[in-house]
Amino acid sequence: MDESREPVYNVTEAVCDGLRRISEFSYAILPKNLAHACADLEKACLTELRGCLDWQISFIDECITGADRLREEWRAKYQRPAESPSGTAT
């Protein structure tokens, strides 16, 4: 089974290496100080994006917790009384 996955791994590794080389070329054509400034800006943007994503994940968790609580409240409030075998409510 490992033999069948190895070609996929090799293709993935080749694609990642190619993208890394393109990124290196794009920074290499810039002056050193500008390349470092661009890299710092990119890292800062990605850090902020990570913060936004973390906030969104916690927001979703809070909403699901609130939804579960509301569902239980509604179920308790609107639960029909159990019927007796004769068909009348107890």
N, C-alpha and C. Protein backbone atom coordinates (compact mmCIF):
# COMPACT_ATOMS: atom_id res chain seq x y z
N MET A 1 0.82 -1.19 0.00
CA MET A 1 0.00 0.00 0.00
C MET A 1 0.87 1.26 0.00
N ASP A 2 2.02 1.22 0.64
CA ASP A 2 2.90 2.37 0.65
C ASP A 2 3.42 2.67 -0.75
N GLU A 3 3.58 1.62 -1.57
CA GLU A 3 4.08 1.82 -2.93
C GLU A 3 3.10 2.63 -3.76
N SER A 4 1.78 2.46 -3.53
CA SER A 4 0.79 3.19 -4.32
C SER A 4 0.73 4.65 -3.90
N ARG A 5 1.08 4.98 -2.67
CA ARG A 5 1.03 6.36 -2.21
C ARG A 5 2.31 7.13 -2.52
N GLU A 6 3.39 6.42 -2.76
CA GLU A 6 4.66 7.07 -3.00
C GLU A 6 4.65 7.99 -4.22
N PRO A 7 4.07 7.60 -5.36
CA PRO A 7 4.04 8.52 -6.50
C PRO A 7 3.28 9.82 -6.19
N VAL A 8 2.19 9.72 -5.42
CA VAL A 8 1.44 10.92 -5.05
C VAL A 8 2.31 11.82 -4.18
N TYR A 9 3.03 11.23 -3.25
CA TYR A 9 3.91 11.99 -2.38
C TYR A 9 4.99 12.68 -3.20
N ASN A 10 5.54 11.96 -4.18
CA ASN A 10 6.59 12.54 -5.02
C ASN A 10 6.06 13.71 -5.83
N VAL A 11 4.84 13.60 -6.35
CA VAL A 11 4.24 14.70 -7.12
C VAL A 11 4.00 15.90 -6.21
N THR A 12 3.47 15.63 -5.01
CA THR A 12 3.23 16.72 -4.06
C THR A 12 4.52 17.42 -3.69
N GLU A 13 5.55 16.64 -3.45
CA GLU A 13 6.85 17.22 -3.10
C GLU A 13 7.40 18.05 -4.25
N ALA A 14 7.24 17.58 -5.48
CA ALA A 14 7.73 18.30 -6.65
C ALA A 14 6.98 19.62 -6.82
N VAL A 15 5.66 19.60 -6.62
CA VAL A 15 4.87 20.83 -6.75
C VAL A 15 5.29 21.83 -5.67
N CYS A 16 5.45 21.36 -4.44
CA CYS A 16 5.87 22.26 -3.35
C CYS A 16 7.24 22.84 -3.61
N ASP A 17 8.15 22.02 -4.13
CA ASP A 17 9.49 22.52 -4.46
C ASP A 17 9.41 23.59 -5.56
N GLY A 18 8.57 23.35 -6.55
CA GLY A 18 8.41 24.34 -7.62
C GLY A 18 7.86 25.65 -7.11
N LEU A 19 6.85 25.58 -6.24
CA LEU A 19 6.29 26.81 -5.67
C LEU A 19 7.31 27.54 -4.79
N ARG A 20 8.12 26.77 -4.06
CA ARG A 20 9.16 27.38 -3.24
C ARG A 20 10.17 28.12 -4.11
N ARG A 21 10.55 27.50 -5.23
CA ARG A 21 11.51 28.14 -6.14
C ARG A 21 10.94 29.43 -6.73
N ILE A 22 9.67 29.40 -7.11
CA ILE A 22 9.03 30.61 -7.65
C ILE A 22 9.05 31.72 -6.59
N SER A 23 8.75 31.35 -5.35
CA SER A 23 8.76 32.34 -4.27
C SER A 23 10.17 32.89 -4.05
N GLU A 24 11.16 32.01 -4.10
CA GLU A 24 12.54 32.46 -3.94
C GLU A 24 12.93 33.41 -5.07
N PHE A 25 12.53 33.09 -6.30
CA PHE A 25 12.84 33.96 -7.43
C PHE A 25 12.19 35.33 -7.26
N SER A 26 10.93 35.33 -6.78
CA SER A 26 10.22 36.60 -6.65
C SER A 26 10.87 37.50 -5.59
N TYR A 27 11.43 36.90 -4.55
CA TYR A 27 12.15 37.70 -3.55
C TYR A 27 13.54 38.06 -4.03
N ALA A 28 14.18 37.18 -4.81
CA ALA A 28 15.55 37.42 -5.27
C ALA A 28 15.65 38.60 -6.24
N ILE A 29 14.59 38.88 -6.99
CA ILE A 29 14.68 39.97 -7.96
C ILE A 29 14.55 41.34 -7.29
N LEU A 30 14.13 41.34 -6.02
CA LEU A 30 14.00 42.60 -5.28
C LEU A 30 15.29 42.92 -4.54
N PRO A 31 15.53 44.20 -4.28
CA PRO A 31 16.66 44.53 -3.41
C PRO A 31 16.46 43.88 -2.03
N LYS A 32 17.57 43.57 -1.35
CA LYS A 32 17.51 42.81 -0.10
C LYS A 32 16.59 43.45 0.93
N ASN A 33 16.71 44.75 1.16
CA ASN A 33 15.89 45.41 2.18
C ASN A 33 14.40 45.39 1.80
N LEU A 34 14.10 45.54 0.52
CA LEU A 34 12.72 45.50 0.07
C LEU A 34 12.14 44.08 0.17
N ALA A 35 12.95 43.09 -0.16
CA ALA A 35 12.50 41.70 -0.05
C ALA A 35 12.18 41.36 1.40
N HIS A 36 13.03 41.80 2.33
CA HIS A 36 12.77 41.53 3.74
C HIS A 36 11.54 42.29 4.23
N ALA A 37 11.35 43.52 3.76
CA ALA A 37 10.17 44.30 4.14
C ALA A 37 8.89 43.64 3.62
N CYS A 38 8.93 43.16 2.37
CA CYS A 38 7.77 42.47 1.79
C CYS A 38 7.46 41.19 2.56
N ALA A 39 8.50 40.45 2.92
CA ALA A 39 8.30 39.21 3.68
C ALA A 39 7.70 39.52 5.05
N ASP A 40 8.18 40.57 5.69
CA ASP A 40 7.63 40.95 7.00
C ASP A 40 6.17 41.36 6.88
N LEU A 41 5.83 42.10 5.83
CA LEU A 41 4.45 42.49 5.61
C LEU A 41 3.56 41.27 5.37
N GLU A 42 4.04 40.34 4.56
CA GLU A 42 3.27 39.13 4.28
C GLU A 42 3.05 38.32 5.56
N LYS A 43 4.10 38.19 6.37
CA LYS A 43 3.96 37.45 7.63
C LYS A 43 3.01 38.15 8.58
N ALA A 44 3.04 39.48 8.63
CA ALA A 44 2.12 40.23 9.49
C ALA A 44 0.67 40.02 9.04
N CYS A 45 0.44 40.05 7.73
CA CYS A 45 -0.91 39.84 7.21
C CYS A 45 -1.40 38.42 7.54
N LEU A 46 -0.53 37.45 7.38
CA LEU A 46 -0.92 36.07 7.69
C LEU A 46 -1.18 35.88 9.18
N THR A 47 -0.42 36.57 10.02
CA THR A 47 -0.65 36.51 11.46
C THR A 47 -2.01 37.09 11.81
N GLU A 48 -2.37 38.21 11.20
CA GLU A 48 -3.69 38.80 11.44
C GLU A 48 -4.80 37.90 10.92
N LEU A 49 -4.57 37.28 9.77
CA LEU A 49 -5.55 36.36 9.22
C LEU A 49 -5.75 35.18 10.16
N ARG A 50 -4.66 34.67 10.73
CA ARG A 50 -4.76 33.57 11.69
C ARG A 50 -5.58 34.01 12.90
N GLY A 51 -5.35 35.23 13.37
CA GLY A 51 -6.12 35.75 14.50
C GLY A 51 -7.61 35.83 14.17
N CYS A 52 -7.92 36.30 12.97
CA CYS A 52 -9.32 36.37 12.54
C CYS A 52 -9.95 34.98 12.45
N LEU A 53 -9.21 34.03 11.92
CA LEU A 53 -9.73 32.67 11.82
C LEU A 53 -9.94 32.05 13.19
N ASP A 54 -9.00 32.28 14.11
CA ASP A 54 -9.17 31.77 15.48
C ASP A 54 -10.40 32.37 16.13
N TRP A 55 -10.61 33.68 15.92
CA TRP A 55 -11.78 34.35 16.49
C TRP A 55 -13.06 33.75 15.89
N GLN A 56 -13.07 33.53 14.58
CA GLN A 56 -14.25 32.98 13.92
C GLN A 56 -14.55 31.57 14.44
N ILE A 57 -13.53 30.77 14.65
CA ILE A 57 -13.73 29.41 15.16
C ILE A 57 -14.33 29.46 16.56
N SER A 58 -13.82 30.33 17.42
CA SER A 58 -14.38 30.43 18.77
C SER A 58 -15.81 30.98 18.72
N PHE A 59 -16.10 31.89 17.81
CA PHE A 59 -17.44 32.44 17.65
C PHE A 59 -18.42 31.33 17.25
N ILE A 60 -18.01 30.47 16.32
CA ILE A 60 -18.86 29.36 15.90
C ILE A 60 -19.12 28.42 17.07
N ASP A 61 -18.08 28.13 17.86
CA ASP A 61 -18.26 27.26 19.02
C ASP A 61 -19.26 27.84 20.01
N GLU A 62 -19.16 29.16 20.25
CA GLU A 62 -20.10 29.82 21.16
C GLU A 62 -21.53 29.77 20.62
N CYS A 63 -21.68 29.97 19.32
CA CYS A 63 -23.01 29.92 18.70
C CYS A 63 -23.62 28.53 18.80
N ILE A 64 -22.83 27.51 18.58
CA ILE A 64 -23.34 26.14 18.68
C ILE A 64 -23.75 25.83 20.12
N THR A 65 -22.95 26.28 21.08
CA THR A 65 -23.30 26.07 22.48
C THR A 65 -24.62 26.78 22.81
N GLY A 66 -24.77 28.01 22.35
CA GLY A 66 -26.02 28.75 22.56
C GLY A 66 -27.20 28.10 21.87
N ALA A 67 -26.98 27.59 20.68
CA ALA A 67 -28.06 26.92 19.94
C ALA A 67 -28.51 25.65 20.66
N ASP A 68 -27.56 24.89 21.20
CA ASP A 68 -27.92 23.69 21.95
C ASP A 68 -28.74 24.04 23.19
N ARG A 69 -28.34 25.12 23.87
CA ARG A 69 -29.07 25.56 25.05
C ARG A 69 -30.49 25.98 24.69
N LEU A 70 -30.63 26.78 23.61
CA LEU A 70 -31.96 27.20 23.17
C LEU A 70 -32.82 26.01 22.77
N ARG A 71 -32.24 25.05 22.08
CA ARG A 71 -32.99 23.87 21.65
C ARG A 71 -33.54 23.12 22.87
N GLU A 72 -32.71 22.97 23.90
CA GLU A 72 -33.16 22.29 25.12
C GLU A 72 -34.25 23.10 25.84
N GLU A 73 -34.10 24.43 25.87
CA GLU A 73 -35.13 25.28 26.48
C GLU A 73 -36.45 25.14 25.73
N TRP A 74 -36.41 25.17 24.40
CA TRP A 74 -37.62 25.04 23.61
C TRP A 74 -38.26 23.67 23.81
N ARG A 75 -37.42 22.65 23.84
CA ARG A 75 -37.94 21.29 24.02
C ARG A 75 -38.64 21.17 25.38
N ALA A 76 -38.03 21.75 26.42
CA ALA A 76 -38.64 21.68 27.75
C ALA A 76 -39.92 22.51 27.81
N LYS A 77 -39.94 23.65 27.14
CA LYS A 77 -41.11 24.54 27.19
C LYS A 77 -42.28 24.00 26.39
N TYR A 78 -42.02 23.41 25.23
CA TYR A 78 -43.10 23.01 24.34
C TYR A 78 -43.30 21.50 24.26
N GLN A 79 -42.75 20.79 25.21
CA GLN A 79 -42.93 19.34 25.19
C GLN A 79 -44.38 19.01 25.52
N ARG A 80 -44.97 18.15 24.70
CA ARG A 80 -46.37 17.77 24.89
C ARG A 80 -46.47 16.82 26.07
N PRO A 81 -47.55 16.91 26.82
CA PRO A 81 -47.70 15.97 27.91
C PRO A 81 -47.90 14.55 27.37
N ALA A 82 -47.42 13.58 28.12
CA ALA A 82 -47.53 12.19 27.68
C ALA A 82 -48.98 11.76 27.72
N GLU A 83 -49.40 10.99 26.70
CA GLU A 83 -50.77 10.52 26.62
C GLU A 83 -50.89 9.17 27.30
N SER A 84 -52.03 8.96 27.93
CA SER A 84 -52.30 7.65 28.55
C SER A 84 -52.74 6.68 27.47
N PRO A 85 -52.75 5.39 27.74
CA PRO A 85 -53.16 4.42 26.72
C PRO A 85 -54.59 4.64 26.22
N SER A 86 -55.46 5.27 27.01
CA SER A 86 -56.84 5.49 26.55
C SER A 86 -56.94 6.68 25.61
N GLY A 87 -55.84 7.43 25.44
CA GLY A 87 -55.86 8.54 24.50
C GLY A 87 -56.07 9.89 25.16
N THR A 88 -56.26 9.97 26.45
CA THR A 88 -56.42 11.24 27.14
C THR A 88 -55.10 11.65 27.77
N ALA A 89 -54.92 12.92 27.93
CA ALA A 89 -53.70 13.46 28.52
C ALA A 89 -53.68 13.19 30.01
N THR A 90 -52.50 12.93 30.56
CA THR A 90 -52.39 12.70 32.00
C THR A 90 -51.99 13.93 32.73
